[in-house]
PDB file of all heavy atoms in Angstrom:
ATOM      1  N   HIS A   1     -89.077 -92.232-169.223  1.00  0.00           N
ATOM      2  CA  HIS A   1     -90.321 -92.051-170.061  1.00  0.00           C
ATOM      3  C   HIS A   1     -91.126 -90.991-169.551  1.00  0.00           C
ATOM      4  O   HIS A   1     -91.562 -90.039-170.237  1.00  0.00           O
ATOM      5  CB  HIS A   1     -91.058 -93.406-170.208  1.00  0.00           C
ATOM      6  CG  HIS A   1     -92.325 -93.316-170.949  1.00  0.00           C
ATOM      7  ND1 HIS A   1     -93.351 -94.240-170.868  1.00  0.00           N
ATOM      8  CD2 HIS A   1     -92.832 -92.376-171.844  1.00  0.00           C
ATOM      9  CE1 HIS A   1     -94.337 -93.886-171.570  1.00  0.00           C
ATOM     10  NE2 HIS A   1     -94.043 -92.798-172.180  1.00  0.00           N
ATOM     11  N   SER A   2     -91.531 -90.979-168.233  1.00  0.00           N
ATOM     12  CA  SER A   2     -92.374 -89.899-167.625  1.00  0.00           C
ATOM     13  C   SER A   2     -91.706 -88.590-167.768  1.00  0.00           C
ATOM     14  O   SER A   2     -92.337 -87.558-167.830  1.00  0.00           O
ATOM     15  CB  SER A   2     -92.679 -90.313-166.244  1.00  0.00           C
ATOM     16  OG  SER A   2     -93.481 -91.414-166.228  1.00  0.00           O
ATOM     17  N   LEU A   3     -90.279 -88.482-167.627  1.00  0.00           N
ATOM     18  CA  LEU A   3     -89.587 -87.271-167.549  1.00  0.00           C
ATOM     19  C   LEU A   3     -89.664 -86.662-168.997  1.00  0.00           C
ATOM     20  O   LEU A   3     -89.876 -85.531-169.116  1.00  0.00           O
ATOM     21  CB  LEU A   3     -88.166 -87.511-167.163  1.00  0.00           C
ATOM     22  CG  LEU A   3     -87.352 -86.186-166.813  1.00  0.00           C
ATOM     23  CD1 LEU A   3     -87.934 -85.449-165.726  1.00  0.00           C
ATOM     24  CD2 LEU A   3     -85.874 -86.674-166.565  1.00  0.00           C
ATOM     25  N   VAL A   4     -89.506 -87.518-169.973  1.00  0.00           N
ATOM     26  CA  VAL A   4     -89.623 -87.113-171.366  1.00  0.00           C
ATOM     27  C   VAL A   4     -91.015 -86.565-171.630  1.00  0.00           C
ATOM     28  O   VAL A   4     -91.148 -85.613-172.380  1.00  0.00           O
ATOM     29  CB  VAL A   4     -89.235 -88.233-172.348  1.00  0.00           C
ATOM     30  CG1 VAL A   4     -89.583 -87.880-173.786  1.00  0.00           C
ATOM     31  CG2 VAL A   4     -87.739 -88.618-172.188  1.00  0.00           C
ATOM     32  N   ASP A   5     -92.078 -87.269-171.133  1.00  0.00           N
ATOM     33  CA  ASP A   5     -93.351 -86.864-171.390  1.00  0.00           C
ATOM     34  C   ASP A   5     -93.626 -85.493-170.742  1.00  0.00           C
ATOM     35  O   ASP A   5     -94.454 -84.688-171.265  1.00  0.00           O
ATOM     36  CB  ASP A   5     -94.337 -87.873-170.802  1.00  0.00           C
ATOM     37  CG  ASP A   5     -94.577 -89.046-171.634  1.00  0.00           C
ATOM     38  OD1 ASP A   5     -93.951 -89.074-172.817  1.00  0.00           O
ATOM     39  OD2 ASP A   5     -95.197 -90.025-171.249  1.00  0.00           O
ATOM     40  N   THR A   6     -93.033 -85.146-169.519  1.00  0.00           N
ATOM     41  CA  THR A   6     -93.141 -83.972-168.898  1.00  0.00           C
ATOM     42  C   THR A   6     -92.607 -82.858-169.752  1.00  0.00           C
ATOM     43  O   THR A   6     -93.184 -81.718-170.076  1.00  0.00           O
ATOM     44  CB  THR A   6     -92.455 -83.912-167.549  1.00  0.00           C
ATOM     45  OG1 THR A   6     -92.933 -85.021-166.708  1.00  0.00           O
ATOM     46  CG2 THR A   6     -92.633 -82.628-166.904  1.00  0.00           C
ATOM     47  N   GLY A   7     -91.327 -83.014-170.277  1.00  0.00           N
ATOM     48  CA  GLY A   7     -90.754 -82.018-171.173  1.00  0.00           C
ATOM     49  C   GLY A   7     -91.522 -81.857-172.462  1.00  0.00           C
ATOM     50  O   GLY A   7     -91.756 -80.780-173.011  1.00  0.00           O
ATOM     51  N   ASN A   8     -92.086 -82.946-172.997  1.00  0.00           N
ATOM     52  CA  ASN A   8     -92.843 -82.902-174.192  1.00  0.00           C
ATOM     53  C   ASN A   8     -94.157 -81.986-173.999  1.00  0.00           C
ATOM     54  O   ASN A   8     -94.547 -81.290-174.883  1.00  0.00           O
ATOM     55  CB  ASN A   8     -93.324 -84.291-174.717  1.00  0.00           C
ATOM     56  CG  ASN A   8     -92.181 -85.084-175.245  1.00  0.00           C
ATOM     57  OD1 ASN A   8     -91.147 -84.579-175.587  1.00  0.00           O
ATOM     58  ND2 ASN A   8     -92.336 -86.413-175.320  1.00  0.00           N
ATOM     59  N   GLY A   9     -94.786 -82.222-172.808  1.00  0.00           N
ATOM     60  CA  GLY A   9     -95.867 -81.208-172.501  1.00  0.00           C
ATOM     61  C   GLY A   9     -95.502 -79.797-172.518  1.00  0.00           C
ATOM     62  O   GLY A   9     -96.303 -78.981-173.065  1.00  0.00           O
ATOM     63  N   GLY A  10     -94.426 -79.504-172.035  1.00  0.00           N
ATOM     64  CA  GLY A  10     -93.898 -78.129-172.075  1.00  0.00           C
ATOM     65  C   GLY A  10     -93.658 -77.610-173.575  1.00  0.00           C
ATOM     66  O   GLY A  10     -94.029 -76.460-173.818  1.00  0.00           O
ATOM     67  N   LEU A  11     -93.055 -78.570-174.411  1.00  0.00           N
ATOM     68  CA  LEU A  11     -92.950 -78.085-175.795  1.00  0.00           C
ATOM     69  C   LEU A  11     -94.284 -77.971-176.494  1.00  0.00           C
ATOM     70  O   LEU A  11     -94.427 -77.034-177.322  1.00  0.00           O
ATOM     71  CB  LEU A  11     -92.149 -79.274-176.459  1.00  0.00           C
ATOM     72  CG  LEU A  11     -90.640 -79.408-176.074  1.00  0.00           C
ATOM     73  CD1 LEU A  11     -90.028 -80.538-176.796  1.00  0.00           C
ATOM     74  CD2 LEU A  11     -89.886 -78.132-176.406  1.00  0.00           C
ATOM     75  N   LEU A  12     -95.271 -78.697-176.199  1.00  0.00           N
ATOM     76  CA  LEU A  12     -96.579 -78.610-176.844  1.00  0.00           C
ATOM     77  C   LEU A  12     -97.159 -77.199-176.363  1.00  0.00           C
ATOM     78  O   LEU A  12     -97.842 -76.440-177.228  1.00  0.00           O
ATOM     79  CB  LEU A  12     -97.559 -79.689-176.459  1.00  0.00           C
ATOM     80  CG  LEU A  12     -97.195 -81.044-177.143  1.00  0.00           C
ATOM     81  CD1 LEU A  12     -98.168 -82.136-176.611  1.00  0.00           C
ATOM     82  CD2 LEU A  12     -97.338 -80.916-178.693  1.00  0.00           C
ATOM     83  N   LEU A  13     -97.080 -76.905-175.040  1.00  0.00           N
ATOM     84  CA  LEU A  13     -97.535 -75.605-174.611  1.00  0.00           C
ATOM     85  C   LEU A  13     -96.827 -74.407-175.352  1.00  0.00           C
ATOM     86  O   LEU A  13     -97.493 -73.456-175.696  1.00  0.00           O
ATOM     87  CB  LEU A  13     -97.227 -75.436-173.090  1.00  0.00           C
ATOM     88  CG  LEU A  13     -98.342 -76.227-172.237  1.00  0.00           C
ATOM     89  CD1 LEU A  13     -97.924 -76.028-170.747  1.00  0.00           C
ATOM     90  CD2 LEU A  13     -99.792 -75.680-172.416  1.00  0.00           C
ATOM     91  N   TYR A  14     -95.531 -74.585-175.527  1.00  0.00           N
ATOM     92  CA  TYR A  14     -94.828 -73.569-176.217  1.00  0.00           C
ATOM     93  C   TYR A  14     -95.227 -73.446-177.636  1.00  0.00           C
ATOM     94  O   TYR A  14     -95.297 -72.332-178.198  1.00  0.00           O
ATOM     95  CB  TYR A  14     -93.282 -73.858-176.131  1.00  0.00           C
ATOM     96  CG  TYR A  14     -92.425 -72.886-176.878  1.00  0.00           C
ATOM     97  CD1 TYR A  14     -92.199 -71.643-176.380  1.00  0.00           C
ATOM     98  CD2 TYR A  14     -91.801 -73.190-178.076  1.00  0.00           C
ATOM     99  CE1 TYR A  14     -91.448 -70.646-176.984  1.00  0.00           C
ATOM    100  CE2 TYR A  14     -90.974 -72.149-178.727  1.00  0.00           C
ATOM    101  CZ  TYR A  14     -90.758 -70.997-178.205  1.00  0.00           C
ATOM    102  OH  TYR A  14     -90.059 -70.109-178.792  1.00  0.00           O
ATOM    103  N   GLY A  15     -95.486 -74.573-178.262  1.00  0.00           N
ATOM    104  CA  GLY A  15     -95.999 -74.532-179.658  1.00  0.00           C
ATOM    105  C   GLY A  15     -97.378 -73.809-179.774  1.00  0.00           C
ATOM    106  O   GLY A  15     -97.587 -73.011-180.671  1.00  0.00           O
ATOM    107  N   LEU A  16     -98.316 -74.113-178.809  1.00  0.00           N
ATOM    108  CA  LEU A  16     -99.586 -73.480-178.853  1.00  0.00           C
ATOM    109  C   LEU A  16     -99.373 -71.947-178.668  1.00  0.00           C
ATOM    110  O   LEU A  16    -100.080 -71.124-179.328  1.00  0.00           O
ATOM    111  CB  LEU A  16    -100.447 -74.052-177.713  1.00  0.00           C
ATOM    112  CG  LEU A  16    -101.099 -75.348-177.871  1.00  0.00           C
ATOM    113  CD1 LEU A  16    -101.751 -75.849-176.629  1.00  0.00           C
ATOM    114  CD2 LEU A  16    -102.115 -75.274-178.986  1.00  0.00           C
ATOM    115  N   HIS A  17     -98.437 -71.605-177.798  1.00  0.00           N
ATOM    116  CA  HIS A  17     -98.261 -70.182-177.558  1.00  0.00           C
ATOM    117  C   HIS A  17     -97.746 -69.377-178.854  1.00  0.00           C
ATOM    118  O   HIS A  17     -98.237 -68.386-179.216  1.00  0.00           O
ATOM    119  CB  HIS A  17     -97.209 -69.899-176.411  1.00  0.00           C
ATOM    120  CG  HIS A  17     -96.622 -68.558-176.317  1.00  0.00           C
ATOM    121  ND1 HIS A  17     -97.496 -67.506-175.715  1.00  0.00           N
ATOM    122  CD2 HIS A  17     -95.477 -68.107-176.507  1.00  0.00           C
ATOM    123  CE1 HIS A  17     -96.763 -66.413-175.731  1.00  0.00           C
ATOM    124  NE2 HIS A  17     -95.614 -66.695-176.224  1.00  0.00           N
ATOM    125  N   ARG A  18     -96.794 -70.138-179.454  1.00  0.00           N
ATOM    126  CA  ARG A  18     -96.200 -69.565-180.656  1.00  0.00           C
ATOM    127  C   ARG A  18     -97.200 -69.508-181.807  1.00  0.00           C
ATOM    128  O   ARG A  18     -97.192 -68.595-182.545  1.00  0.00           O
ATOM    129  CB  ARG A  18     -94.912 -70.405-181.075  1.00  0.00           C
ATOM    130  CG  ARG A  18     -93.688 -70.279-180.224  1.00  0.00           C
ATOM    131  CD  ARG A  18     -93.045 -68.909-180.271  1.00  0.00           C
ATOM    132  NE  ARG A  18     -92.597 -68.627-181.595  1.00  0.00           N
ATOM    133  CZ  ARG A  18     -92.176 -67.397-182.002  1.00  0.00           C
ATOM    134  NH1 ARG A  18     -92.330 -66.317-181.212  1.00  0.00           N
ATOM    135  NH2 ARG A  18     -91.676 -67.249-183.250  1.00  0.00           N
ATOM    136  N   ALA A  19     -97.958 -70.554-181.920  1.00  0.00           N
ATOM    137  CA  ALA A  19     -98.991 -70.582-183.037  1.00  0.00           C
ATOM    138  C   ALA A  19    -100.005 -69.508-182.898  1.00  0.00           C
ATOM    139  O   ALA A  19    -100.605 -69.069-183.842  1.00  0.00           O
ATOM    140  CB  ALA A  19     -99.646 -71.902-183.032  1.00  0.00           C
ATOM    141  N   ALA A  20    -100.197 -68.959-181.770  1.00  0.00           N
ATOM    142  CA  ALA A  20    -101.177 -67.898-181.607  1.00  0.00           C
ATOM    143  C   ALA A  20    -100.597 -66.505-181.954  1.00  0.00           C
ATOM    144  O   ALA A  20    -101.417 -65.489-181.814  1.00  0.00           O
ATOM    145  CB  ALA A  20    -101.700 -67.931-180.119  1.00  0.00           C
ATOM    146  N   GLN A  21     -99.366 -66.443-182.180  1.00  0.00           N
ATOM    147  CA  GLN A  21     -98.764 -65.055-182.442  1.00  0.00           C
ATOM    148  C   GLN A  21     -99.361 -64.506-183.789  1.00  0.00           C
ATOM    149  O   GLN A  21     -99.541 -65.261-184.762  1.00  0.00           O
ATOM    150  CB  GLN A  21     -97.253 -65.189-182.628  1.00  0.00           C
ATOM    151  CG  GLN A  21     -96.480 -65.666-181.439  1.00  0.00           C
ATOM    152  CD  GLN A  21     -96.708 -64.727-180.230  1.00  0.00           C
ATOM    153  OE1 GLN A  21     -96.388 -63.556-180.277  1.00  0.00           O
ATOM    154  NE2 GLN A  21     -97.188 -65.291-179.179  1.00  0.00           N
ATOM    155  N   PRO A  22     -99.718 -63.198-183.886  1.00  0.00           N
ATOM    156  CA  PRO A  22    -100.260 -62.723-185.028  1.00  0.00           C
ATOM    157  C   PRO A  22     -99.259 -62.541-186.203  1.00  0.00           C
ATOM    158  O   PRO A  22     -98.055 -62.641-185.950  1.00  0.00           O
ATOM    159  CB  PRO A  22    -100.624 -61.230-184.553  1.00  0.00           C
ATOM    160  CG  PRO A  22     -99.720 -60.941-183.416  1.00  0.00           C
ATOM    161  CD  PRO A  22     -99.366 -62.277-182.763  1.00  0.00           C
ATOM    162  N   PRO A  23     -99.747 -62.375-187.414  1.00  0.00           N
ATOM    163  CA  PRO A  23     -98.870 -62.250-188.585  1.00  0.00           C
ATOM    164  C   PRO A  23     -97.975 -60.953-188.440  1.00  0.00           C
ATOM    165  O   PRO A  23     -98.359 -60.067-187.785  1.00  0.00           O
ATOM    166  CB  PRO A  23     -99.788 -62.109-189.761  1.00  0.00           C
ATOM    167  CG  PRO A  23    -101.113 -62.715-189.326  1.00  0.00           C
ATOM    168  CD  PRO A  23    -101.187 -62.404-187.790  1.00  0.00           C
ATOM    169  N   ASP A  24     -96.728 -61.144-189.066  1.00  0.00           N
ATOM    170  CA  ASP A  24     -95.823 -59.907-189.015  1.00  0.00           C
ATOM    171  C   ASP A  24     -95.122 -59.979-190.435  1.00  0.00           C
ATOM    172  O   ASP A  24     -95.457 -60.632-191.274  1.00  0.00           O
ATOM    173  CB  ASP A  24     -94.934 -59.958-187.894  1.00  0.00           C
ATOM    174  CG  ASP A  24     -94.068 -61.303-187.797  1.00  0.00           C
ATOM    175  OD1 ASP A  24     -93.781 -61.814-188.981  1.00  0.00           O
ATOM    176  OD2 ASP A  24     -93.703 -61.738-186.734  1.00  0.00           O
ATOM    177  N   ARG A  25     -94.187 -59.002-190.477  1.00  0.00           N
ATOM    178  CA  ARG A  25     -93.515 -58.800-191.838  1.00  0.00           C
ATOM    179  C   ARG A  25     -92.825 -60.093-192.265  1.00  0.00           C
ATOM    180  O   ARG A  25     -92.791 -60.399-193.452  1.00  0.00           O
ATOM    181  CB  ARG A  25     -92.578 -57.698-191.728  1.00  0.00           C
ATOM    182  CG  ARG A  25     -91.792 -57.324-192.979  1.00  0.00           C
ATOM    183  CD  ARG A  25     -91.042 -56.142-192.947  1.00  0.00           C
ATOM    184  NE  ARG A  25     -89.946 -56.278-191.889  1.00  0.00           N
ATOM    185  CZ  ARG A  25     -88.769 -56.821-192.109  1.00  0.00           C
ATOM    186  NH1 ARG A  25     -88.502 -57.359-193.323  1.00  0.00           N
ATOM    187  NH2 ARG A  25     -87.907 -57.042-191.148  1.00  0.00           N
ATOM    188  N   LEU A  26     -92.127 -60.734-191.380  1.00  0.00           N
ATOM    189  CA  LEU A  26     -91.385 -61.949-191.763  1.00  0.00           C
ATOM    190  C   LEU A  26     -92.312 -63.148-191.920  1.00  0.00           C
ATOM    191  O   LEU A  26     -91.917 -64.108-192.691  1.00  0.00           O
ATOM    192  CB  LEU A  26     -90.376 -62.303-190.588  1.00  0.00           C
ATOM    193  CG  LEU A  26     -89.271 -61.288-190.412  1.00  0.00           C
ATOM    194  CD1 LEU A  26     -88.408 -61.748-189.331  1.00  0.00           C
ATOM    195  CD2 LEU A  26     -88.465 -61.195-191.773  1.00  0.00           C
ATOM    196  N   HIS A  27     -93.477 -63.225-191.207  1.00  0.00           N
ATOM    197  CA  HIS A  27     -94.390 -64.331-191.336  1.00  0.00           C
ATOM    198  C   HIS A  27     -95.804 -63.766-191.628  1.00  0.00           C
ATOM    199  O   HIS A  27     -96.666 -63.700-190.674  1.00  0.00           O
ATOM    200  CB  HIS A  27     -94.420 -65.181-190.151  1.00  0.00           C
ATOM    201  CG  HIS A  27     -93.041 -65.812-189.810  1.00  0.00           C
ATOM    202  ND1 HIS A  27     -92.092 -65.185-189.097  1.00  0.00           N
ATOM    203  CD2 HIS A  27     -92.555 -67.043-190.173  1.00  0.00           C
ATOM    204  CE1 HIS A  27     -91.047 -65.950-188.971  1.00  0.00           C
ATOM    205  NE2 HIS A  27     -91.297 -67.092-189.588  1.00  0.00           N
ATOM    206  N   PRO A  28     -96.019 -63.385-192.860  1.00  0.00           N
ATOM    207  CA  PRO A  28     -97.341 -62.704-193.245  1.00  0.00           C
ATOM    208  C   PRO A  28     -98.494 -63.552-193.060  1.00  0.00           C
ATOM    209  O   PRO A  28     -99.690 -63.050-192.913  1.00  0.00           O
ATOM    210  CB  PRO A  28     -97.148 -62.347-194.687  1.00  0.00           C
ATOM    211  CG  PRO A  28     -96.065 -63.281-195.205  1.00  0.00           C
ATOM    212  CD  PRO A  28     -95.142 -63.491-193.997  1.00  0.00           C
ATOM    213  N   PHE A  29     -98.414 -64.845-192.993  1.00  0.00           N
ATOM    214  CA  PHE A  29     -99.544 -65.732-192.805  1.00  0.00           C
ATOM    215  C   PHE A  29     -99.645 -66.266-191.349  1.00  0.00           C
ATOM    216  O   PHE A  29    -100.439 -67.138-191.092  1.00  0.00           O
ATOM    217  CB  PHE A  29     -99.459 -66.996-193.733  1.00  0.00           C
ATOM    218  CG  PHE A  29     -99.646 -66.625-195.200  1.00  0.00           C
ATOM    219  CD1 PHE A  29     -99.020 -67.388-196.161  1.00  0.00           C
ATOM    220  CD2 PHE A  29    -100.461 -65.563-195.536  1.00  0.00           C
ATOM    221  CE1 PHE A  29     -99.225 -67.017-197.479  1.00  0.00           C
ATOM    222  CE2 PHE A  29    -100.637 -65.284-196.878  1.00  0.00           C
ATOM    223  CZ  PHE A  29    -100.044 -66.031-197.866  1.00  0.00           C
ATOM    224  N   GLY A  30     -98.810 -65.729-190.475  1.00  0.00           N
ATOM    225  CA  GLY A  30     -98.930 -66.166-189.121  1.00  0.00           C
ATOM    226  C   GLY A  30     -97.831 -67.269-188.722  1.00  0.00           C
ATOM    227  O   GLY A  30     -96.951 -67.700-189.572  1.00  0.00           O
ATOM    228  N   TYR A  31     -97.960 -67.769-187.506  1.00  0.00           N
ATOM    229  CA  TYR A  31     -97.067 -68.785-186.976  1.00  0.00           C
ATOM    230  C   TYR A  31     -97.808 -70.107-186.645  1.00  0.00           C
ATOM    231  O   TYR A  31     -97.268 -70.894-185.853  1.00  0.00           O
ATOM    232  CB  TYR A  31     -96.476 -68.269-185.621  1.00  0.00           C
ATOM    233  CG  TYR A  31     -95.553 -66.997-185.825  1.00  0.00           C
ATOM    234  CD1 TYR A  31     -95.938 -65.731-186.047  1.00  0.00           C
ATOM    235  CD2 TYR A  31     -94.134 -67.225-185.833  1.00  0.00           C
ATOM    236  CE1 TYR A  31     -95.132 -64.758-186.241  1.00  0.00           C
ATOM    237  CE2 TYR A  31     -93.244 -66.203-186.047  1.00  0.00           C
ATOM    238  CZ  TYR A  31     -93.780 -64.910-186.243  1.00  0.00           C
ATOM    239  OH  TYR A  31     -92.843 -63.839-186.441  1.00  0.00           O
ATOM    240  N   GLY A  32     -98.881 -70.301-187.338  1.00  0.00           N
ATOM    241  CA  GLY A  32     -99.692 -71.526-187.004  1.00  0.00           C
ATOM    242  C   GLY A  32     -98.881 -72.821-187.120  1.00  0.00           C
ATOM    243  O   GLY A  32     -99.119 -73.797-186.198  1.00  0.00           O
ATOM    244  N   ARG A  33     -97.981 -72.963-187.935  1.00  0.00           N
ATOM    245  CA  ARG A  33     -97.257 -74.269-188.083  1.00  0.00           C
ATOM    246  C   ARG A  33     -96.266 -74.489-187.041  1.00  0.00           C
ATOM    247  O   ARG A  33     -95.601 -75.587-186.985  1.00  0.00           O
ATOM    248  CB  ARG A  33     -96.552 -74.289-189.497  1.00  0.00           C
ATOM    249  CG  ARG A  33     -97.606 -74.742-190.531  1.00  0.00           C
ATOM    250  CD  ARG A  33     -96.959 -74.889-191.926  1.00  0.00           C
ATOM    251  NE  ARG A  33     -97.933 -75.318-192.848  1.00  0.00           N
ATOM    252  CZ  ARG A  33     -97.736 -75.293-194.153  1.00  0.00           C
ATOM    253  NH1 ARG A  33     -96.613 -74.922-194.695  1.00  0.00           N
ATOM    254  NH2 ARG A  33     -98.735 -75.752-195.073  1.00  0.00           N
ATOM    255  N   GLU A  34     -95.946 -73.515-186.144  1.00  0.00           N
ATOM    256  CA  GLU A  34     -95.099 -73.764-185.010  1.00  0.00           C
ATOM    257  C   GLU A  34     -95.628 -74.948-184.124  1.00  0.00           C
ATOM    258  O   GLU A  34     -94.765 -75.683-183.589  1.00  0.00           O
ATOM    259  CB  GLU A  34     -95.153 -72.484-184.030  1.00  0.00           C
ATOM    260  CG  GLU A  34     -94.272 -71.382-184.649  1.00  0.00           C
ATOM    261  CD  GLU A  34     -92.815 -71.255-184.035  1.00  0.00           C
ATOM    262  OE1 GLU A  34     -92.453 -72.180-183.337  1.00  0.00           O
ATOM    263  OE2 GLU A  34     -92.175 -70.279-184.320  1.00  0.00           O
TER     264      GLU A  34
END
């Protein structure tokens, strides 16, 4: 359980990082839903 929670924290950090990416041609409204 704790090992899964550790990995989940990494995925949430990755999601926050991806969501902060600016809009581009393929995603004109940005990446917020990541």
